[in-house]
Amino acid sequence: MIVLGFLLALTAGGFAAIGVAENFQGGSQYAVEIFGNQIATLGPSGLFLSGVALTLIFCLGLAMAAAGLKQRRRVRRALSSTAPTEPEAPRSQPAHRHRRLLGH
């Protein structure tokens, strides 16, 4: 999930960068070209909405990568806590005490 998230974010960022770098013409209609191939003709509102969509895809990729890192950290912590250790000595006091909220 980490690799897929980073791949999605890098692809969306690269697509946006190449699209902006290769399309510096003015006018009411924009012919969006990537590597010499025209993929769409967009007006100002279409161009804005495609930028919003690319931003959402980029953020989805970052969220997927962050969730994958969090899950990996959680799994590693769980595996390390279940590792065999020496048995603990019996406690003389009860295991649970009163929980203090906000230092009171």
N, C-alpha and C. Protein backbone atom coordinates (compact mmCIF):
# COMPACT_ATOMS: atom_id res chain seq x y z
N MET A 1 0.83 -1.18 0.00
CA MET A 1 0.00 0.00 0.00
C MET A 1 0.88 1.25 0.00
N ILE A 2 2.02 1.16 0.63
CA ILE A 2 2.93 2.30 0.67
C ILE A 2 3.43 2.61 -0.74
N VAL A 3 3.90 1.58 -1.43
CA VAL A 3 4.44 1.77 -2.77
C VAL A 3 3.35 2.25 -3.72
N LEU A 4 2.17 1.67 -3.62
CA LEU A 4 1.07 2.09 -4.49
C LEU A 4 0.68 3.55 -4.23
N GLY A 5 0.67 3.96 -2.97
CA GLY A 5 0.36 5.35 -2.64
C GLY A 5 1.39 6.32 -3.19
N PHE A 6 2.68 5.99 -3.01
CA PHE A 6 3.73 6.86 -3.55
C PHE A 6 3.69 6.88 -5.07
N LEU A 7 3.42 5.73 -5.68
CA LEU A 7 3.34 5.67 -7.14
C LEU A 7 2.18 6.53 -7.66
N LEU A 8 1.05 6.47 -6.99
CA LEU A 8 -0.11 7.27 -7.38
C LEU A 8 0.18 8.76 -7.23
N ALA A 9 0.81 9.15 -6.12
CA ALA A 9 1.14 10.56 -5.90
C ALA A 9 2.16 11.05 -6.93
N LEU A 10 3.19 10.26 -7.19
CA LEU A 10 4.20 10.67 -8.16
C LEU A 10 3.63 10.75 -9.57
N THR A 11 2.76 9.84 -9.93
CA THR A 11 2.15 9.86 -11.26
C THR A 11 1.26 11.09 -11.44
N ALA A 12 0.45 11.39 -10.45
CA ALA A 12 -0.42 12.58 -10.55
C ALA A 12 0.42 13.85 -10.60
N GLY A 13 1.45 13.92 -9.78
CA GLY A 13 2.33 15.10 -9.80
C GLY A 13 3.07 15.24 -11.11
N GLY A 14 3.57 14.13 -11.63
CA GLY A 14 4.27 14.16 -12.92
C GLY A 14 3.36 14.53 -14.06
N PHE A 15 2.15 13.98 -14.06
CA PHE A 15 1.18 14.30 -15.10
C PHE A 15 0.84 15.79 -15.08
N ALA A 16 0.63 16.34 -13.90
CA ALA A 16 0.32 17.77 -13.79
C ALA A 16 1.51 18.62 -14.23
N ALA A 17 2.72 18.24 -13.82
CA ALA A 17 3.91 19.03 -14.19
C ALA A 17 4.14 19.00 -15.70
N ILE A 18 4.03 17.84 -16.31
CA ILE A 18 4.23 17.75 -17.76
C ILE A 18 3.11 18.50 -18.49
N GLY A 19 1.89 18.37 -18.00
CA GLY A 19 0.76 19.07 -18.63
C GLY A 19 0.93 20.58 -18.58
N VAL A 20 1.41 21.10 -17.48
CA VAL A 20 1.63 22.55 -17.35
C VAL A 20 2.82 22.99 -18.19
N ALA A 21 3.89 22.22 -18.16
CA ALA A 21 5.11 22.61 -18.88
C ALA A 21 4.92 22.64 -20.39
N GLU A 22 4.09 21.77 -20.92
CA GLU A 22 3.92 21.69 -22.37
C GLU A 22 2.74 22.50 -22.91
N ASN A 23 2.01 23.20 -22.06
CA ASN A 23 0.82 23.92 -22.50
C ASN A 23 0.84 25.36 -22.03
N PHE A 24 1.63 26.17 -22.70
CA PHE A 24 1.71 27.58 -22.34
C PHE A 24 1.10 28.46 -23.42
N GLN A 25 0.00 28.07 -24.02
CA GLN A 25 -0.65 28.90 -25.02
C GLN A 25 -1.87 29.57 -24.41
N GLY A 26 -2.23 30.71 -24.92
CA GLY A 26 -3.39 31.44 -24.40
C GLY A 26 -4.63 31.12 -25.21
N GLY A 27 -5.72 31.75 -24.85
CA GLY A 27 -6.96 31.56 -25.59
C GLY A 27 -8.07 31.07 -24.69
N SER A 28 -9.27 30.95 -25.29
CA SER A 28 -10.40 30.51 -24.49
C SER A 28 -10.47 28.99 -24.39
N GLN A 29 -9.84 28.29 -25.33
CA GLN A 29 -9.79 26.83 -25.30
C GLN A 29 -8.34 26.39 -25.22
N TYR A 30 -8.07 25.42 -24.38
CA TYR A 30 -6.72 24.92 -24.19
C TYR A 30 -6.64 23.50 -24.72
N ALA A 31 -5.74 23.27 -25.65
CA ALA A 31 -5.50 21.92 -26.15
C ALA A 31 -4.42 21.31 -25.25
N VAL A 32 -4.81 20.36 -24.44
CA VAL A 32 -3.88 19.74 -23.50
C VAL A 32 -3.10 18.67 -24.24
N GLU A 33 -1.78 18.86 -24.31
CA GLU A 33 -0.91 17.92 -25.01
C GLU A 33 0.12 17.37 -24.03
N ILE A 34 0.39 16.10 -24.18
CA ILE A 34 1.45 15.46 -23.40
C ILE A 34 2.27 14.62 -24.37
N PHE A 35 3.54 14.91 -24.44
CA PHE A 35 4.49 14.24 -25.33
C PHE A 35 4.02 14.29 -26.78
N GLY A 36 3.48 15.44 -27.19
CA GLY A 36 3.06 15.62 -28.57
C GLY A 36 1.70 15.07 -28.92
N ASN A 37 1.02 14.43 -28.00
CA ASN A 37 -0.31 13.88 -28.24
C ASN A 37 -1.36 14.74 -27.56
N GLN A 38 -2.34 15.18 -28.33
CA GLN A 38 -3.42 15.97 -27.76
C GLN A 38 -4.42 15.03 -27.09
N ILE A 39 -4.61 15.22 -25.78
CA ILE A 39 -5.50 14.32 -25.05
C ILE A 39 -6.86 14.95 -24.77
N ALA A 40 -6.94 16.28 -24.81
CA ALA A 40 -8.23 16.94 -24.55
C ALA A 40 -8.16 18.39 -24.98
N THR A 41 -9.32 18.99 -25.16
CA THR A 41 -9.45 20.43 -25.37
C THR A 41 -10.37 20.93 -24.27
N LEU A 42 -9.85 21.80 -23.42
CA LEU A 42 -10.58 22.23 -22.23
C LEU A 42 -10.72 23.74 -22.20
N GLY A 43 -11.84 24.18 -21.65
CA GLY A 43 -12.03 25.60 -21.36
C GLY A 43 -11.46 25.90 -19.97
N PRO A 44 -11.57 27.16 -19.54
CA PRO A 44 -11.02 27.52 -18.22
C PRO A 44 -11.63 26.72 -17.06
N SER A 45 -12.95 26.49 -17.09
CA SER A 45 -13.57 25.74 -16.00
C SER A 45 -13.15 24.27 -16.03
N GLY A 46 -13.04 23.69 -17.22
CA GLY A 46 -12.58 22.31 -17.35
C GLY A 46 -11.15 22.14 -16.91
N LEU A 47 -10.32 23.14 -17.22
CA LEU A 47 -8.92 23.11 -16.81
C LEU A 47 -8.82 23.19 -15.29
N PHE A 48 -9.65 24.04 -14.69
CA PHE A 48 -9.65 24.16 -13.22
C PHE A 48 -10.10 22.86 -12.57
N LEU A 49 -11.17 22.27 -13.08
CA LEU A 49 -11.70 21.03 -12.49
C LEU A 49 -10.74 19.86 -12.69
N SER A 50 -10.02 19.83 -13.80
CA SER A 50 -9.03 18.75 -13.97
C SER A 50 -7.86 18.94 -13.00
N GLY A 51 -7.53 20.18 -12.69
CA GLY A 51 -6.51 20.44 -11.66
C GLY A 51 -6.97 19.99 -10.29
N VAL A 52 -8.24 20.23 -9.99
CA VAL A 52 -8.81 19.77 -8.71
C VAL A 52 -8.77 18.25 -8.64
N ALA A 53 -9.14 17.60 -9.74
CA ALA A 53 -9.13 16.13 -9.76
C ALA A 53 -7.72 15.58 -9.57
N LEU A 54 -6.73 16.19 -10.22
CA LEU A 54 -5.34 15.74 -10.04
C LEU A 54 -4.87 15.97 -8.62
N THR A 55 -5.30 17.07 -8.02
CA THR A 55 -4.93 17.32 -6.62
C THR A 55 -5.53 16.28 -5.69
N LEU A 56 -6.79 15.92 -5.93
CA LEU A 56 -7.43 14.89 -5.11
C LEU A 56 -6.75 13.53 -5.27
N ILE A 57 -6.36 13.19 -6.49
CA ILE A 57 -5.65 11.93 -6.72
C ILE A 57 -4.30 11.95 -6.01
N PHE A 58 -3.61 13.09 -6.08
CA PHE A 58 -2.32 13.22 -5.39
C PHE A 58 -2.50 13.06 -3.88
N CYS A 59 -3.50 13.71 -3.32
CA CYS A 59 -3.76 13.59 -1.87
C CYS A 59 -4.17 12.17 -1.49
N LEU A 60 -4.93 11.50 -2.35
CA LEU A 60 -5.28 10.10 -2.09
C LEU A 60 -4.04 9.23 -2.04
N GLY A 61 -3.11 9.47 -2.95
CA GLY A 61 -1.86 8.72 -2.94
C GLY A 61 -1.07 8.94 -1.66
N LEU A 62 -0.99 10.20 -1.20
CA LEU A 62 -0.28 10.49 0.05
C LEU A 62 -0.99 9.86 1.25
N ALA A 63 -2.31 9.89 1.24
CA ALA A 63 -3.07 9.27 2.34
C ALA A 63 -2.86 7.76 2.37
N MET A 64 -2.82 7.13 1.20
CA MET A 64 -2.58 5.70 1.15
C MET A 64 -1.19 5.35 1.67
N ALA A 65 -0.20 6.16 1.29
CA ALA A 65 1.16 5.91 1.77
C ALA A 65 1.24 6.09 3.28
N ALA A 66 0.60 7.13 3.80
CA ALA A 66 0.61 7.37 5.25
C ALA A 66 -0.10 6.25 6.00
N ALA A 67 -1.22 5.76 5.47
CA ALA A 67 -1.93 4.66 6.12
C ALA A 67 -1.10 3.38 6.10
N GLY A 68 -0.40 3.15 5.01
CA GLY A 68 0.47 1.98 4.92
C GLY A 68 1.62 2.04 5.91
N LEU A 69 2.21 3.22 6.07
CA LEU A 69 3.28 3.38 7.05
C LEU A 69 2.77 3.19 8.47
N LYS A 70 1.58 3.70 8.74
CA LYS A 70 0.99 3.54 10.08
C LYS A 70 0.69 2.08 10.37
N GLN A 71 0.16 1.37 9.37
CA GLN A 71 -0.14 -0.05 9.56
C GLN A 71 1.14 -0.85 9.77
N ARG A 72 2.17 -0.53 9.01
CA ARG A 72 3.44 -1.24 9.16
C ARG A 72 4.02 -1.03 10.56
N ARG A 73 3.95 0.22 11.05
CA ARG A 73 4.44 0.52 12.38
C ARG A 73 3.65 -0.24 13.44
N ARG A 74 2.32 -0.32 13.28
CA ARG A 74 1.46 -1.02 14.23
C ARG A 74 1.76 -2.51 14.24
N VAL A 75 1.97 -3.11 13.07
CA VAL A 75 2.27 -4.54 12.98
C VAL A 75 3.63 -4.83 13.61
N ARG A 76 4.61 -4.00 13.34
CA ARG A 76 5.93 -4.22 13.94
C ARG A 76 5.88 -4.10 15.46
N ARG A 77 5.12 -3.14 15.95
CA ARG A 77 4.99 -2.96 17.40
C ARG A 77 4.30 -4.17 18.02
N ALA A 78 3.27 -4.69 17.35
CA ALA A 78 2.56 -5.86 17.87
C ALA A 78 3.44 -7.09 17.85
N LEU A 79 4.24 -7.25 16.80
CA LEU A 79 5.12 -8.40 16.73
C LEU A 79 6.23 -8.34 17.78
N SER A 80 6.73 -7.15 18.04
CA SER A 80 7.79 -7.04 19.03
C SER A 80 7.26 -7.21 20.46
N SER A 81 5.99 -6.85 20.68
CA SER A 81 5.43 -7.00 22.03
C SER A 81 5.05 -8.45 22.33
N THR A 82 4.84 -9.27 21.31
CA THR A 82 4.50 -10.67 21.54
C THR A 82 5.73 -11.57 21.54
N ALA A 83 6.90 -11.00 21.44
CA ALA A 83 8.13 -11.79 21.47
C ALA A 83 8.26 -12.44 22.85
N PRO A 84 8.78 -13.66 22.91
CA PRO A 84 8.91 -14.32 24.21
C PRO A 84 9.87 -13.58 25.13
N THR A 85 9.44 -13.37 26.35
CA THR A 85 10.26 -12.68 27.35
C THR A 85 10.24 -13.51 28.62
N GLU A 86 10.98 -13.06 29.60
CA GLU A 86 11.00 -13.75 30.89
C GLU A 86 9.68 -13.50 31.60
N PRO A 87 9.20 -14.47 32.35
CA PRO A 87 7.94 -14.25 33.07
C PRO A 87 8.11 -13.18 34.15
N GLU A 88 7.06 -12.38 34.32
CA GLU A 88 7.10 -11.31 35.31
C GLU A 88 6.83 -11.86 36.71
N ALA A 89 7.38 -11.18 37.69
CA ALA A 89 7.13 -11.56 39.08
C ALA A 89 5.71 -11.16 39.45
N PRO A 90 5.06 -11.92 40.35
CA PRO A 90 3.68 -11.56 40.74
C PRO A 90 3.66 -10.22 41.45
N ARG A 91 2.60 -9.47 41.20
CA ARG A 91 2.47 -8.14 41.80
C ARG A 91 1.82 -8.25 43.18
N SER A 92 2.27 -7.38 44.09
CA SER A 92 1.67 -7.37 45.42
C SER A 92 0.50 -6.39 45.48
N GLN A 93 0.42 -5.46 44.52
CA GLN A 93 -0.67 -4.48 44.49
C GLN A 93 -1.62 -4.83 43.35
N PRO A 94 -2.84 -4.34 43.42
CA PRO A 94 -3.78 -4.62 42.33
C PRO A 94 -3.28 -4.02 41.01
N ALA A 95 -3.63 -4.68 39.92
CA ALA A 95 -3.15 -4.25 38.61
C ALA A 95 -3.81 -2.95 38.16
N HIS A 96 -5.03 -2.69 38.57
CA HIS A 96 -5.71 -1.48 38.12
C HIS A 96 -5.82 -0.49 39.27
N ARG A 97 -5.66 0.75 38.94
CA ARG A 97 -5.78 1.82 39.93
C ARG A 97 -6.76 2.83 39.38
N HIS A 98 -7.05 3.82 40.20
CA HIS A 98 -7.97 4.86 39.74
C HIS A 98 -7.30 5.69 38.67
N ARG A 99 -8.02 5.94 37.62
CA ARG A 99 -7.50 6.73 36.51
C ARG A 99 -7.71 8.20 36.81
N ARG A 100 -6.68 8.99 36.67
CA ARG A 100 -6.78 10.42 36.92
C ARG A 100 -6.96 11.14 35.60
N LEU A 101 -7.95 11.98 35.53
CA LEU A 101 -8.22 12.76 34.34
C LEU A 101 -7.75 14.19 34.55
N LEU A 102 -6.99 14.68 33.63
CA LEU A 102 -6.49 16.06 33.62
C LEU A 102 -5.71 16.40 34.90
N GLY A 103 -5.03 15.42 35.47
CA GLY A 103 -4.17 15.67 36.62
C GLY A 103 -4.89 15.81 37.94
N HIS A 104 -6.16 15.44 38.04
CA HIS A 104 -6.90 15.56 39.29
C HIS A 104 -7.03 14.25 39.97
